[in-house]
N, C-alpha and C. Protein backbone atom coordinates (compact mmCIF):
# COMPACT_ATOMS: atom_id res chain seq x y z
N UNK A 1 12.85 -3.51 -6.44
CA UNK A 1 12.82 -2.22 -7.08
C UNK A 1 13.58 -1.25 -6.21
N UNK A 2 14.42 -0.48 -6.84
CA UNK A 2 15.27 0.45 -6.13
C UNK A 2 14.53 1.70 -5.66
N UNK A 3 15.17 2.39 -4.73
CA UNK A 3 14.60 3.62 -4.17
C UNK A 3 14.40 4.65 -5.28
N UNK A 4 13.26 5.31 -5.25
CA UNK A 4 12.96 6.37 -6.19
C UNK A 4 12.24 5.92 -7.46
N UNK A 5 12.28 4.62 -7.75
CA UNK A 5 11.68 4.14 -8.99
C UNK A 5 10.18 4.43 -9.03
N UNK A 6 9.46 4.07 -8.01
CA UNK A 6 8.01 4.27 -8.00
C UNK A 6 7.62 5.73 -7.83
N UNK A 7 8.52 6.54 -7.32
CA UNK A 7 8.25 7.97 -7.17
C UNK A 7 8.01 8.65 -8.53
N UNK A 8 8.48 8.04 -9.58
CA UNK A 8 8.34 8.60 -10.93
C UNK A 8 6.90 8.52 -11.45
N UNK A 9 6.01 7.88 -10.69
CA UNK A 9 4.63 7.69 -11.13
C UNK A 9 3.67 8.26 -10.08
N UNK A 10 3.60 9.58 -9.96
CA UNK A 10 2.80 10.20 -8.89
C UNK A 10 1.30 9.97 -9.00
N UNK A 11 0.78 9.67 -10.16
CA UNK A 11 -0.67 9.50 -10.32
C UNK A 11 -1.08 8.03 -10.44
N UNK A 12 -0.18 7.16 -10.04
CA UNK A 12 -0.42 5.73 -10.13
C UNK A 12 -1.68 5.34 -9.35
N UNK A 13 -2.52 4.51 -9.97
CA UNK A 13 -3.73 4.00 -9.32
C UNK A 13 -3.67 2.48 -9.14
N UNK A 14 -2.80 1.85 -9.95
CA UNK A 14 -2.68 0.39 -9.90
C UNK A 14 -1.21 0.04 -10.12
N UNK A 15 -0.71 -0.88 -9.31
CA UNK A 15 0.67 -1.33 -9.44
C UNK A 15 0.66 -2.84 -9.59
N UNK A 16 1.15 -3.32 -10.73
CA UNK A 16 1.21 -4.76 -10.99
C UNK A 16 2.66 -5.19 -10.78
N UNK A 17 2.85 -6.10 -9.83
CA UNK A 17 4.19 -6.58 -9.50
C UNK A 17 4.35 -8.03 -9.94
N UNK A 18 5.36 -8.27 -10.76
CA UNK A 18 5.67 -9.62 -11.22
C UNK A 18 6.12 -10.47 -10.04
N UNK A 19 6.00 -11.76 -10.16
CA UNK A 19 6.41 -12.65 -9.07
C UNK A 19 7.92 -12.60 -8.83
N UNK A 20 8.68 -12.07 -9.78
CA UNK A 20 10.13 -11.96 -9.63
C UNK A 20 10.52 -10.78 -8.75
N UNK A 21 9.60 -9.84 -8.50
CA UNK A 21 9.91 -8.71 -7.62
C UNK A 21 9.91 -9.22 -6.19
N UNK A 22 11.03 -9.02 -5.50
CA UNK A 22 11.19 -9.53 -4.14
C UNK A 22 11.16 -8.42 -3.09
N UNK A 23 11.35 -7.16 -3.52
CA UNK A 23 11.33 -6.05 -2.57
C UNK A 23 11.14 -4.74 -3.33
N UNK A 24 10.74 -3.71 -2.58
CA UNK A 24 10.58 -2.38 -3.16
C UNK A 24 10.96 -1.36 -2.10
N UNK A 25 11.88 -0.47 -2.44
CA UNK A 25 12.29 0.59 -1.53
C UNK A 25 11.24 1.70 -1.60
N UNK A 26 10.62 1.98 -0.48
CA UNK A 26 9.53 2.96 -0.43
C UNK A 26 9.86 4.04 0.60
N UNK A 27 9.83 5.27 0.15
CA UNK A 27 10.05 6.39 1.07
C UNK A 27 8.77 6.64 1.87
N UNK A 28 8.87 7.28 3.03
CA UNK A 28 7.66 7.58 3.81
C UNK A 28 6.65 8.42 3.02
N UNK A 29 7.13 9.34 2.20
CA UNK A 29 6.19 10.17 1.42
C UNK A 29 5.49 9.37 0.33
N UNK A 30 6.20 8.42 -0.29
CA UNK A 30 5.56 7.55 -1.28
C UNK A 30 4.55 6.63 -0.59
N UNK A 31 4.90 6.15 0.58
CA UNK A 31 3.99 5.31 1.35
C UNK A 31 2.67 6.04 1.59
N UNK A 32 2.75 7.30 1.97
CA UNK A 32 1.53 8.11 2.18
C UNK A 32 0.75 8.29 0.89
N UNK A 33 1.47 8.54 -0.19
CA UNK A 33 0.80 8.76 -1.49
C UNK A 33 0.08 7.50 -1.96
N UNK A 34 0.70 6.34 -1.77
CA UNK A 34 0.06 5.08 -2.16
C UNK A 34 -1.26 4.90 -1.43
N UNK A 35 -1.27 5.20 -0.14
CA UNK A 35 -2.50 5.08 0.65
C UNK A 35 -3.51 6.14 0.26
N UNK A 36 -3.05 7.37 0.09
CA UNK A 36 -3.96 8.47 -0.28
C UNK A 36 -4.64 8.17 -1.61
N UNK A 37 -3.88 7.66 -2.58
CA UNK A 37 -4.42 7.34 -3.90
C UNK A 37 -5.14 6.00 -3.95
N UNK A 38 -5.14 5.28 -2.83
CA UNK A 38 -5.77 3.96 -2.74
C UNK A 38 -5.32 3.06 -3.89
N UNK A 39 -4.00 3.00 -4.06
CA UNK A 39 -3.41 2.22 -5.15
C UNK A 39 -3.75 0.74 -4.98
N UNK A 40 -4.25 0.15 -6.04
CA UNK A 40 -4.55 -1.28 -6.08
C UNK A 40 -3.27 -2.02 -6.44
N UNK A 41 -2.92 -3.01 -5.63
CA UNK A 41 -1.73 -3.83 -5.90
C UNK A 41 -2.20 -5.13 -6.54
N UNK A 42 -1.56 -5.48 -7.66
CA UNK A 42 -1.91 -6.71 -8.37
C UNK A 42 -0.66 -7.56 -8.50
N UNK A 43 -0.87 -8.85 -8.43
CA UNK A 43 0.23 -9.80 -8.56
C UNK A 43 -0.32 -11.19 -8.29
N UNK A 44 0.57 -12.13 -8.12
CA UNK A 44 0.15 -13.50 -7.82
C UNK A 44 0.02 -13.68 -6.32
N UNK A 45 -0.83 -14.64 -5.93
CA UNK A 45 -0.94 -15.00 -4.52
C UNK A 45 0.41 -15.50 -4.01
N UNK A 46 0.63 -15.30 -2.72
CA UNK A 46 1.81 -15.83 -2.04
C UNK A 46 3.12 -15.26 -2.58
N UNK A 47 3.10 -14.00 -2.98
CA UNK A 47 4.32 -13.34 -3.48
C UNK A 47 4.51 -12.03 -2.73
N UNK A 48 5.59 -11.35 -3.05
CA UNK A 48 5.87 -10.05 -2.46
C UNK A 48 4.70 -9.09 -2.69
N UNK A 49 4.09 -9.13 -3.86
CA UNK A 49 2.99 -8.21 -4.18
C UNK A 49 1.88 -8.30 -3.14
N UNK A 50 1.49 -9.50 -2.78
CA UNK A 50 0.42 -9.67 -1.80
C UNK A 50 0.87 -9.23 -0.41
N UNK A 51 2.09 -9.57 -0.04
CA UNK A 51 2.62 -9.15 1.27
C UNK A 51 2.73 -7.64 1.34
N UNK A 52 3.17 -7.02 0.25
CA UNK A 52 3.32 -5.57 0.17
C UNK A 52 1.97 -4.89 0.38
N UNK A 53 0.94 -5.36 -0.31
CA UNK A 53 -0.40 -4.78 -0.17
C UNK A 53 -0.88 -4.89 1.27
N UNK A 54 -0.71 -6.05 1.87
CA UNK A 54 -1.14 -6.26 3.25
C UNK A 54 -0.39 -5.34 4.20
N UNK A 55 0.92 -5.27 4.02
CA UNK A 55 1.77 -4.44 4.88
C UNK A 55 1.40 -2.95 4.78
N UNK A 56 1.05 -2.51 3.57
CA UNK A 56 0.74 -1.09 3.35
C UNK A 56 -0.74 -0.77 3.55
N UNK A 57 -1.56 -1.78 3.82
CA UNK A 57 -2.99 -1.55 4.01
C UNK A 57 -3.70 -1.21 2.71
N UNK A 58 -3.22 -1.79 1.61
CA UNK A 58 -3.80 -1.52 0.29
C UNK A 58 -4.57 -2.74 -0.20
N UNK A 59 -5.50 -2.52 -1.12
CA UNK A 59 -6.23 -3.64 -1.71
C UNK A 59 -5.31 -4.45 -2.61
N UNK A 60 -5.57 -5.76 -2.64
CA UNK A 60 -4.82 -6.66 -3.49
C UNK A 60 -5.79 -7.41 -4.38
N UNK A 61 -5.42 -7.58 -5.63
CA UNK A 61 -6.21 -8.35 -6.59
C UNK A 61 -5.24 -9.19 -7.41
N UNK A 62 -5.58 -10.46 -7.56
CA UNK A 62 -4.72 -11.33 -8.36
C UNK A 62 -4.59 -10.74 -9.77
N UNK A 63 -3.41 -10.86 -10.35
CA UNK A 63 -3.19 -10.36 -11.71
C UNK A 63 -3.88 -11.28 -12.72
N UNK A 64 -4.11 -10.76 -13.90
CA UNK A 64 -4.68 -11.56 -14.98
C UNK A 64 -3.71 -12.68 -15.35
N UNK A 65 -4.26 -13.77 -15.85
CA UNK A 65 -3.44 -14.93 -16.19
C UNK A 65 -3.57 -15.23 -17.68
N UNK A 66 -2.48 -15.05 -18.43
CA UNK A 66 -2.50 -15.48 -19.84
C UNK A 66 -2.68 -16.99 -19.87
N UNK A 67 -3.72 -17.45 -20.55
CA UNK A 67 -4.03 -18.88 -20.54
C UNK A 67 -3.44 -19.64 -21.73
N UNK A 68 -3.72 -19.16 -22.93
CA UNK A 68 -3.31 -19.91 -24.12
C UNK A 68 -3.42 -19.02 -25.35
N UNK A 69 -2.82 -19.51 -26.42
CA UNK A 69 -2.99 -18.90 -27.73
C UNK A 69 -3.57 -19.97 -28.64
N UNK A 70 -4.64 -19.61 -29.31
CA UNK A 70 -5.35 -20.57 -30.15
C UNK A 70 -5.22 -20.15 -31.61
N UNK A 71 -4.82 -21.09 -32.44
CA UNK A 71 -4.72 -20.84 -33.88
C UNK A 71 -5.83 -21.62 -34.56
N UNK A 72 -6.75 -20.90 -35.18
CA UNK A 72 -7.88 -21.54 -35.86
C UNK A 72 -7.62 -21.37 -37.35
N UNK A 73 -7.08 -22.43 -37.94
CA UNK A 73 -6.59 -22.36 -39.31
C UNK A 73 -7.67 -22.01 -40.34
N UNK A 74 -8.86 -22.55 -40.19
CA UNK A 74 -9.91 -22.33 -41.19
C UNK A 74 -10.23 -20.84 -41.35
N UNK A 75 -10.15 -20.08 -40.28
CA UNK A 75 -10.43 -18.65 -40.36
C UNK A 75 -9.19 -17.80 -40.33
N UNK A 76 -8.01 -18.43 -40.39
CA UNK A 76 -6.74 -17.73 -40.29
C UNK A 76 -6.75 -16.83 -39.04
N UNK A 77 -7.25 -17.42 -37.96
CA UNK A 77 -7.48 -16.64 -36.74
C UNK A 77 -6.46 -17.02 -35.66
N UNK A 78 -6.02 -16.01 -34.93
CA UNK A 78 -5.11 -16.19 -33.80
C UNK A 78 -5.79 -15.54 -32.60
N UNK A 79 -6.13 -16.34 -31.59
CA UNK A 79 -6.81 -15.84 -30.39
C UNK A 79 -5.86 -15.88 -29.21
N UNK A 80 -5.86 -14.81 -28.46
CA UNK A 80 -5.12 -14.75 -27.20
C UNK A 80 -6.16 -14.83 -26.09
N UNK A 81 -6.02 -15.83 -25.23
CA UNK A 81 -7.04 -16.12 -24.22
C UNK A 81 -6.46 -15.83 -22.83
N UNK A 82 -7.19 -15.02 -22.06
CA UNK A 82 -6.72 -14.56 -20.75
C UNK A 82 -7.80 -14.72 -19.70
N UNK A 83 -7.43 -15.20 -18.53
CA UNK A 83 -8.31 -15.21 -17.37
C UNK A 83 -8.11 -13.86 -16.69
N UNK A 84 -9.18 -13.07 -16.62
CA UNK A 84 -9.09 -11.72 -16.05
C UNK A 84 -9.85 -11.64 -14.73
N UNK A 85 -9.28 -10.86 -13.82
CA UNK A 85 -9.91 -10.59 -12.53
C UNK A 85 -10.22 -9.11 -12.48
N UNK A 86 -11.38 -8.77 -11.93
CA UNK A 86 -11.82 -7.38 -11.89
C UNK A 86 -12.07 -6.95 -10.45
N UNK A 87 -11.72 -5.73 -10.16
CA UNK A 87 -11.94 -5.21 -8.81
C UNK A 87 -13.43 -5.19 -8.49
N UNK A 88 -14.20 -4.82 -9.46
CA UNK A 88 -15.66 -4.83 -9.31
C UNK A 88 -16.21 -5.71 -10.41
N UNK A 89 -16.85 -6.78 -10.04
CA UNK A 89 -17.41 -7.68 -11.04
C UNK A 89 -16.75 -9.03 -11.03
N UNK A 90 -17.38 -9.94 -11.70
CA UNK A 90 -16.92 -11.33 -11.75
C UNK A 90 -15.71 -11.48 -12.67
N UNK A 91 -14.91 -12.52 -12.44
CA UNK A 91 -13.81 -12.79 -13.36
C UNK A 91 -14.37 -13.23 -14.71
N UNK A 92 -13.53 -13.20 -15.73
CA UNK A 92 -13.97 -13.65 -17.04
C UNK A 92 -12.83 -14.25 -17.83
N UNK A 93 -13.20 -14.93 -18.89
CA UNK A 93 -12.23 -15.42 -19.88
C UNK A 93 -12.34 -14.47 -21.06
N UNK A 94 -11.25 -13.80 -21.36
CA UNK A 94 -11.21 -12.79 -22.43
C UNK A 94 -10.56 -13.39 -23.66
N UNK A 95 -11.21 -13.22 -24.79
CA UNK A 95 -10.70 -13.70 -26.08
C UNK A 95 -10.39 -12.48 -26.95
N UNK A 96 -9.13 -12.32 -27.31
CA UNK A 96 -8.73 -11.26 -28.22
C UNK A 96 -8.37 -11.95 -29.53
N UNK A 97 -9.23 -11.75 -30.55
CA UNK A 97 -9.14 -12.51 -31.79
C UNK A 97 -8.57 -11.65 -32.92
N UNK A 98 -7.57 -12.17 -33.59
CA UNK A 98 -6.93 -11.47 -34.69
C UNK A 98 -7.10 -12.27 -35.96
N UNK A 99 -7.55 -11.60 -37.03
CA UNK A 99 -7.65 -12.22 -38.35
C UNK A 99 -7.14 -11.23 -39.38
N UNK A 100 -6.60 -11.73 -40.47
CA UNK A 100 -6.05 -10.81 -41.47
C UNK A 100 -7.14 -10.18 -42.33
N UNK A 101 -7.03 -8.90 -42.54
CA UNK A 101 -7.87 -8.19 -43.50
C UNK A 101 -9.36 -8.27 -43.28
N UNK A 102 -10.09 -7.79 -44.28
CA UNK A 102 -11.55 -7.82 -44.21
C UNK A 102 -12.12 -8.50 -45.46
N UNK A 103 -11.37 -9.44 -45.98
CA UNK A 103 -11.81 -10.14 -47.19
C UNK A 103 -12.90 -11.16 -46.84
N UNK A 104 -13.43 -11.79 -47.87
CA UNK A 104 -14.48 -12.80 -47.67
C UNK A 104 -13.99 -13.96 -46.84
N UNK A 105 -12.68 -14.21 -46.82
CA UNK A 105 -12.12 -15.31 -46.04
C UNK A 105 -11.85 -14.95 -44.59
N UNK A 106 -12.08 -13.71 -44.21
CA UNK A 106 -11.80 -13.26 -42.86
C UNK A 106 -13.04 -13.34 -41.99
N UNK A 107 -12.87 -13.77 -40.76
CA UNK A 107 -13.99 -13.82 -39.82
C UNK A 107 -14.14 -12.50 -39.07
N UNK A 108 -13.26 -11.53 -39.33
CA UNK A 108 -13.42 -10.19 -38.79
C UNK A 108 -12.66 -9.87 -37.51
N UNK A 109 -12.23 -10.85 -36.78
CA UNK A 109 -11.50 -10.57 -35.55
C UNK A 109 -12.40 -9.92 -34.51
N UNK A 110 -11.78 -9.34 -33.49
CA UNK A 110 -12.52 -8.68 -32.43
C UNK A 110 -12.18 -9.27 -31.08
N UNK A 111 -12.99 -8.92 -30.09
CA UNK A 111 -12.77 -9.48 -28.76
C UNK A 111 -14.08 -9.65 -28.03
N UNK A 112 -14.09 -10.61 -27.13
CA UNK A 112 -15.28 -10.86 -26.32
C UNK A 112 -14.84 -11.53 -25.03
N UNK A 113 -15.74 -11.54 -24.05
CA UNK A 113 -15.43 -12.14 -22.76
C UNK A 113 -16.60 -13.00 -22.31
N UNK A 114 -16.28 -14.10 -21.65
CA UNK A 114 -17.28 -14.98 -21.05
C UNK A 114 -17.13 -14.87 -19.55
N UNK A 115 -18.17 -14.35 -18.88
CA UNK A 115 -18.13 -14.17 -17.44
C UNK A 115 -18.12 -15.52 -16.73
N UNK A 116 -17.38 -15.57 -15.63
CA UNK A 116 -17.29 -16.77 -14.80
C UNK A 116 -17.95 -16.49 -13.45
N UNK A 117 -18.39 -17.52 -12.76
CA UNK A 117 -18.85 -17.30 -11.39
C UNK A 117 -17.66 -16.83 -10.53
N UNK A 118 -17.91 -16.02 -9.53
CA UNK A 118 -16.82 -15.51 -8.67
C UNK A 118 -15.99 -16.64 -8.07
N UNK A 119 -16.61 -17.75 -7.76
CA UNK A 119 -15.91 -18.86 -7.13
C UNK A 119 -15.68 -20.02 -8.10
N UNK A 120 -15.41 -19.71 -9.35
CA UNK A 120 -15.25 -20.73 -10.39
C UNK A 120 -14.16 -21.74 -10.05
N UNK A 121 -13.19 -21.36 -9.25
CA UNK A 121 -12.03 -22.18 -8.94
C UNK A 121 -12.30 -23.22 -7.85
N UNK A 122 -13.40 -23.09 -7.12
CA UNK A 122 -13.66 -23.95 -5.97
C UNK A 122 -13.66 -25.42 -6.37
N UNK A 123 -12.71 -26.15 -5.81
CA UNK A 123 -12.60 -27.57 -6.10
C UNK A 123 -12.14 -27.88 -7.51
N UNK A 124 -11.76 -26.86 -8.26
CA UNK A 124 -11.39 -27.04 -9.67
C UNK A 124 -9.90 -27.35 -9.79
N UNK A 125 -9.60 -28.47 -10.41
CA UNK A 125 -8.21 -28.83 -10.67
C UNK A 125 -7.80 -28.25 -12.02
N UNK A 126 -6.52 -28.27 -12.27
CA UNK A 126 -6.01 -27.80 -13.56
C UNK A 126 -6.61 -28.63 -14.70
N UNK A 127 -6.71 -29.93 -14.49
CA UNK A 127 -7.30 -30.83 -15.52
C UNK A 127 -8.75 -30.45 -15.81
N UNK A 128 -9.52 -30.20 -14.75
CA UNK A 128 -10.92 -29.83 -14.93
C UNK A 128 -11.04 -28.50 -15.66
N UNK A 129 -10.23 -27.54 -15.28
CA UNK A 129 -10.26 -26.23 -15.92
C UNK A 129 -9.92 -26.38 -17.40
N UNK A 130 -8.86 -27.11 -17.69
CA UNK A 130 -8.44 -27.32 -19.08
C UNK A 130 -9.52 -28.04 -19.88
N UNK A 131 -10.30 -28.90 -19.21
CA UNK A 131 -11.35 -29.65 -19.87
C UNK A 131 -12.51 -28.80 -20.37
N UNK A 132 -12.57 -27.56 -19.93
CA UNK A 132 -13.66 -26.69 -20.38
C UNK A 132 -13.29 -25.91 -21.65
N UNK A 133 -12.13 -26.22 -22.22
CA UNK A 133 -11.67 -25.57 -23.44
C UNK A 133 -11.53 -26.62 -24.55
N UNK A 134 -11.43 -26.19 -25.79
CA UNK A 134 -11.22 -27.16 -26.88
C UNK A 134 -9.96 -28.01 -26.64
N UNK A 135 -10.01 -29.24 -27.09
CA UNK A 135 -8.91 -30.19 -26.89
C UNK A 135 -7.58 -29.64 -27.43
N UNK A 136 -7.62 -28.86 -28.49
CA UNK A 136 -6.39 -28.34 -29.09
C UNK A 136 -5.61 -27.42 -28.13
N UNK A 137 -6.27 -26.93 -27.06
CA UNK A 137 -5.61 -26.06 -26.09
C UNK A 137 -5.15 -26.80 -24.84
N UNK A 138 -5.52 -28.05 -24.74
CA UNK A 138 -5.27 -28.83 -23.52
C UNK A 138 -3.81 -28.79 -23.07
N UNK A 139 -2.91 -29.06 -23.97
CA UNK A 139 -1.48 -29.12 -23.62
C UNK A 139 -0.98 -27.78 -23.09
N UNK A 140 -1.37 -26.68 -23.74
CA UNK A 140 -0.95 -25.36 -23.27
C UNK A 140 -1.48 -25.08 -21.86
N UNK A 141 -2.73 -25.41 -21.63
CA UNK A 141 -3.35 -25.12 -20.34
C UNK A 141 -2.73 -25.97 -19.23
N UNK A 142 -2.48 -27.23 -19.50
CA UNK A 142 -1.89 -28.13 -18.51
C UNK A 142 -0.47 -27.67 -18.16
N UNK A 143 0.23 -27.08 -19.11
CA UNK A 143 1.60 -26.61 -18.88
C UNK A 143 1.66 -25.21 -18.28
N UNK A 144 0.52 -24.58 -18.05
CA UNK A 144 0.48 -23.20 -17.57
C UNK A 144 0.72 -23.16 -16.05
N UNK A 145 1.95 -22.87 -15.66
CA UNK A 145 2.33 -22.86 -14.25
C UNK A 145 1.66 -21.75 -13.46
N UNK A 146 1.43 -20.61 -14.08
CA UNK A 146 0.76 -19.51 -13.38
C UNK A 146 -0.68 -19.91 -13.04
N UNK A 147 -1.35 -20.56 -13.96
CA UNK A 147 -2.71 -21.04 -13.72
C UNK A 147 -2.70 -22.11 -12.63
N UNK A 148 -1.74 -23.01 -12.67
CA UNK A 148 -1.62 -24.06 -11.66
C UNK A 148 -1.44 -23.44 -10.27
N UNK A 149 -0.53 -22.47 -10.17
CA UNK A 149 -0.29 -21.82 -8.87
C UNK A 149 -1.57 -21.14 -8.37
N UNK A 150 -2.28 -20.46 -9.28
CA UNK A 150 -3.51 -19.78 -8.86
C UNK A 150 -4.53 -20.78 -8.32
N UNK A 151 -4.82 -21.83 -9.08
CA UNK A 151 -5.84 -22.80 -8.66
C UNK A 151 -5.45 -23.47 -7.34
N UNK A 152 -4.19 -23.85 -7.20
CA UNK A 152 -3.74 -24.48 -5.96
C UNK A 152 -3.89 -23.53 -4.78
N UNK A 153 -3.42 -22.32 -4.94
CA UNK A 153 -3.45 -21.35 -3.85
C UNK A 153 -4.88 -20.92 -3.51
N UNK A 154 -5.69 -20.65 -4.51
CA UNK A 154 -7.06 -20.19 -4.28
C UNK A 154 -7.85 -21.27 -3.53
N UNK A 155 -7.68 -22.52 -3.90
CA UNK A 155 -8.39 -23.60 -3.22
C UNK A 155 -7.84 -23.84 -1.81
N UNK A 156 -6.55 -23.75 -1.64
CA UNK A 156 -5.94 -23.90 -0.32
C UNK A 156 -6.46 -22.80 0.62
N UNK A 157 -6.53 -21.57 0.14
CA UNK A 157 -7.03 -20.45 0.95
C UNK A 157 -8.49 -20.67 1.33
N UNK A 158 -9.27 -21.11 0.38
CA UNK A 158 -10.70 -21.33 0.65
C UNK A 158 -10.87 -22.42 1.69
N UNK A 159 -10.11 -23.50 1.56
CA UNK A 159 -10.20 -24.59 2.53
C UNK A 159 -9.74 -24.14 3.91
N UNK A 160 -8.69 -23.30 3.97
CA UNK A 160 -8.22 -22.79 5.26
C UNK A 160 -9.27 -21.91 5.93
N UNK A 161 -9.98 -21.10 5.13
CA UNK A 161 -11.03 -20.22 5.69
C UNK A 161 -12.18 -21.07 6.23
N UNK A 162 -12.53 -22.14 5.53
CA UNK A 162 -13.64 -22.99 5.96
C UNK A 162 -13.30 -23.73 7.24
N UNK A 163 -12.02 -24.08 7.43
CA UNK A 163 -11.60 -24.81 8.62
C UNK A 163 -11.59 -23.93 9.86
N UNK A 164 -11.49 -22.63 9.69
CA UNK A 164 -11.41 -21.72 10.84
C UNK A 164 -12.74 -21.47 11.47
C-alpha cells in the first residue's frame, strides 16, 4: 500500500490486510494514530498483516475464512458458510441463508451461528474439519487453501508453544 492511502481513514478501528499485501508505507503520525486508536489488525497467519501488527505493537486476529457455499435444492436455499474469529468470544461457524420470497415453498432464509471451542483446531486436520459438515460440501472444504493454511499454521504454533 502506498504512502497516504491509510491516512484517508482517520477513524479506523480495524484494518484487514489480504495476504497479497506485502508492505504498507506508514508516516510517523499515522503510526501514532494507529496505536492511539488501538487498531486491530486482521489477516492470515504468517503474512505481512501479522508482522505489521507485531512491529507496531497492535493486536492481531486471524481474518474470517469463507468456507463453502451450500445449495439446498429442496428449499431453493443458498447458504454462505464462514468460519469467524472474534476479538472477544469464541470462534463460530456462521451460516448466511438466502431463499427466494416468502411463499409456502420458502424456508425463510436468515442467519445463524454455531459456536466452536476456542481451541477447535487442536490436532484437527483438514479432512477431520471437512468431516463435520454434510458430504455435499466435502470437496469445497478440502479444496479450501485458506482453511488449510490456517489449520496447519495454528497447529504448528500450538506445538511450538508446547515444546518451549
